[in-house]
């Protein structure tokens, strides 16, 4: 039985969204308020971590769906 083309499209979309979320988190981490928060608390702000984690999960699931047979 062949691979469902809809699964491939969803996998690509999730991978692209994951990369976008990771990049967006990187941009937020570079903002002045994030740098001040990190300097005071010693940790990245929660919002930045949510983007990183969400992007990583989305990217991983997207790659899995794309490569699945």
N, C-alpha and C. Protein backbone atom coordinates (compact mmCIF):
# COMPACT_ATOMS: atom_id res chain seq x y z
N UNK A 1 0.84 -1.17 0.00
CA UNK A 1 0.00 0.00 0.00
C UNK A 1 0.89 1.24 0.00
N UNK A 2 0.55 2.23 -0.80
CA UNK A 2 1.38 3.43 -0.95
C UNK A 2 1.18 4.43 0.17
N UNK A 3 2.00 5.43 0.12
CA UNK A 3 1.96 6.50 1.11
C UNK A 3 0.85 7.49 0.75
N UNK A 4 0.11 7.93 1.72
CA UNK A 4 -0.97 8.88 1.51
C UNK A 4 -0.38 10.27 1.20
N UNK A 5 -0.73 10.87 0.06
CA UNK A 5 -0.17 12.19 -0.28
C UNK A 5 -0.60 13.29 0.70
N UNK A 6 -1.77 13.12 1.31
CA UNK A 6 -2.22 14.11 2.29
C UNK A 6 -1.30 14.11 3.52
N UNK A 7 -0.85 12.94 3.93
CA UNK A 7 0.08 12.83 5.05
C UNK A 7 1.39 13.53 4.72
N UNK A 8 1.85 13.39 3.49
CA UNK A 8 3.09 14.05 3.07
C UNK A 8 2.93 15.57 3.12
N UNK A 9 1.80 16.07 2.62
CA UNK A 9 1.56 17.51 2.62
C UNK A 9 1.47 18.05 4.04
N UNK A 10 0.78 17.33 4.91
CA UNK A 10 0.68 17.75 6.32
C UNK A 10 2.05 17.74 6.98
N UNK A 11 2.86 16.73 6.68
CA UNK A 11 4.20 16.66 7.23
C UNK A 11 5.05 17.83 6.81
N UNK A 12 4.98 18.20 5.54
CA UNK A 12 5.75 19.35 5.04
C UNK A 12 5.27 20.63 5.71
N UNK A 13 3.94 20.78 5.82
CA UNK A 13 3.38 21.99 6.45
C UNK A 13 3.81 22.09 7.92
N UNK A 14 3.77 20.98 8.63
CA UNK A 14 4.19 21.01 10.04
C UNK A 14 5.68 21.33 10.17
N UNK A 15 6.50 20.78 9.28
CA UNK A 15 7.93 21.05 9.34
C UNK A 15 8.22 22.53 9.06
N UNK A 16 7.52 23.09 8.08
CA UNK A 16 7.72 24.51 7.76
C UNK A 16 7.24 25.39 8.92
N UNK A 17 6.09 25.06 9.50
CA UNK A 17 5.59 25.82 10.66
C UNK A 17 6.55 25.70 11.84
N UNK A 18 7.10 24.51 12.04
CA UNK A 18 8.07 24.32 13.13
C UNK A 18 9.30 25.19 12.95
N UNK A 19 9.81 25.23 11.72
CA UNK A 19 10.97 26.10 11.46
C UNK A 19 10.61 27.56 11.69
N UNK A 20 9.40 27.95 11.29
CA UNK A 20 8.95 29.32 11.52
C UNK A 20 8.85 29.66 13.00
N UNK A 21 8.32 28.74 13.79
CA UNK A 21 8.21 28.98 15.24
C UNK A 21 9.59 29.08 15.89
N UNK A 22 10.51 28.23 15.47
CA UNK A 22 11.87 28.29 16.02
C UNK A 22 12.51 29.62 15.68
N UNK A 23 12.35 30.07 14.43
CA UNK A 23 12.92 31.36 14.02
C UNK A 23 12.27 32.50 14.79
N UNK A 24 10.95 32.44 14.94
CA UNK A 24 10.23 33.48 15.67
C UNK A 24 10.70 33.53 17.13
N UNK A 25 10.91 32.37 17.73
CA UNK A 25 11.44 32.33 19.09
C UNK A 25 12.83 32.93 19.18
N UNK A 26 13.64 32.65 18.16
CA UNK A 26 14.99 33.24 18.11
C UNK A 26 14.91 34.76 18.04
N UNK A 27 13.99 35.27 17.22
CA UNK A 27 13.81 36.72 17.11
C UNK A 27 13.35 37.32 18.43
N UNK A 28 12.44 36.63 19.12
CA UNK A 28 11.97 37.12 20.42
C UNK A 28 13.09 37.10 21.46
N UNK A 29 13.94 36.09 21.40
CA UNK A 29 15.03 35.99 22.36
C UNK A 29 16.04 37.12 22.17
N UNK A 30 16.08 37.66 20.97
CA UNK A 30 17.03 38.73 20.67
C UNK A 30 16.47 40.12 21.00
N UNK A 31 15.20 40.18 21.45
CA UNK A 31 14.60 41.47 21.76
C UNK A 31 15.17 42.04 23.06
N UNK A 32 15.01 43.33 23.24
CA UNK A 32 15.56 44.01 24.41
C UNK A 32 14.91 43.50 25.70
N UNK A 33 13.59 43.33 25.69
CA UNK A 33 12.92 42.88 26.91
C UNK A 33 13.35 41.46 27.29
N UNK A 34 13.53 40.61 26.31
CA UNK A 34 13.99 39.25 26.61
C UNK A 34 15.41 39.25 27.17
N UNK A 35 16.24 40.11 26.63
CA UNK A 35 17.62 40.18 27.13
C UNK A 35 17.66 40.71 28.55
N UNK A 36 16.81 41.67 28.87
CA UNK A 36 16.74 42.20 30.23
C UNK A 36 16.23 41.12 31.18
N UNK A 37 15.17 40.40 30.78
CA UNK A 37 14.63 39.33 31.60
C UNK A 37 15.68 38.26 31.84
N UNK A 38 16.42 37.91 30.79
CA UNK A 38 17.45 36.89 30.93
C UNK A 38 18.59 37.37 31.83
N UNK A 39 18.93 38.65 31.75
CA UNK A 39 20.00 39.18 32.60
C UNK A 39 19.59 39.18 34.07
N UNK A 40 18.31 39.47 34.34
CA UNK A 40 17.84 39.54 35.72
C UNK A 40 17.61 38.15 36.30
N UNK A 41 16.93 37.29 35.55
CA UNK A 41 16.56 35.97 36.09
C UNK A 41 17.57 34.88 35.76
N UNK A 42 18.35 35.07 34.71
CA UNK A 42 19.32 34.06 34.31
C UNK A 42 18.74 32.99 33.41
N UNK A 43 17.46 33.13 33.03
CA UNK A 43 16.80 32.15 32.17
C UNK A 43 16.05 32.86 31.06
N UNK A 44 15.84 32.16 29.97
CA UNK A 44 15.07 32.73 28.86
C UNK A 44 13.61 32.88 29.29
N UNK A 45 12.92 33.89 28.78
CA UNK A 45 11.50 34.07 29.13
C UNK A 45 10.66 32.87 28.69
N UNK A 46 9.55 32.65 29.39
CA UNK A 46 8.67 31.52 29.10
C UNK A 46 8.14 31.56 27.67
N UNK A 47 7.82 32.75 27.18
CA UNK A 47 7.27 32.88 25.83
C UNK A 47 8.27 32.36 24.78
N UNK A 48 9.53 32.68 24.96
CA UNK A 48 10.56 32.23 24.03
C UNK A 48 10.68 30.70 24.09
N UNK A 49 10.67 30.15 25.29
CA UNK A 49 10.78 28.70 25.44
C UNK A 49 9.59 27.99 24.82
N UNK A 50 8.40 28.58 24.92
CA UNK A 50 7.21 27.98 24.30
C UNK A 50 7.37 27.92 22.79
N UNK A 51 7.90 28.96 22.20
CA UNK A 51 8.13 28.96 20.75
C UNK A 51 9.16 27.91 20.37
N UNK A 52 10.24 27.82 21.12
CA UNK A 52 11.28 26.82 20.83
C UNK A 52 10.72 25.39 20.94
N UNK A 53 10.02 25.11 22.02
CA UNK A 53 9.49 23.76 22.24
C UNK A 53 8.42 23.43 21.22
N UNK A 54 7.49 24.36 20.99
CA UNK A 54 6.45 24.13 19.99
C UNK A 54 7.02 23.93 18.60
N UNK A 55 8.03 24.72 18.26
CA UNK A 55 8.67 24.59 16.96
C UNK A 55 9.39 23.27 16.81
N UNK A 56 10.07 22.84 17.87
CA UNK A 56 10.81 21.58 17.81
C UNK A 56 9.85 20.40 17.68
N UNK A 57 8.76 20.42 18.42
CA UNK A 57 7.78 19.33 18.34
C UNK A 57 7.14 19.30 16.95
N UNK A 58 6.74 20.46 16.47
CA UNK A 58 6.12 20.53 15.15
C UNK A 58 7.08 20.07 14.06
N UNK A 59 8.32 20.47 14.14
CA UNK A 59 9.32 20.06 13.17
C UNK A 59 9.54 18.55 13.22
N UNK A 60 9.64 17.99 14.41
CA UNK A 60 9.86 16.55 14.55
C UNK A 60 8.68 15.74 14.01
N UNK A 61 7.46 16.14 14.34
CA UNK A 61 6.28 15.44 13.84
C UNK A 61 6.18 15.58 12.32
N UNK A 62 6.47 16.77 11.81
CA UNK A 62 6.44 16.99 10.37
C UNK A 62 7.43 16.13 9.63
N UNK A 63 8.64 16.02 10.15
CA UNK A 63 9.66 15.17 9.51
C UNK A 63 9.24 13.71 9.59
N UNK A 64 8.69 13.29 10.72
CA UNK A 64 8.24 11.91 10.87
C UNK A 64 7.14 11.60 9.84
N UNK A 65 6.15 12.48 9.72
CA UNK A 65 5.07 12.24 8.77
C UNK A 65 5.57 12.25 7.32
N UNK A 66 6.52 13.11 7.04
CA UNK A 66 7.06 13.19 5.69
C UNK A 66 7.86 11.95 5.32
N UNK A 67 8.62 11.42 6.26
CA UNK A 67 9.50 10.28 5.97
C UNK A 67 8.83 8.92 6.18
N UNK A 68 7.66 8.90 6.83
CA UNK A 68 6.97 7.65 7.11
C UNK A 68 6.53 6.97 5.82
N UNK A 69 6.66 5.67 5.80
CA UNK A 69 6.29 4.91 4.60
C UNK A 69 4.87 4.43 4.64
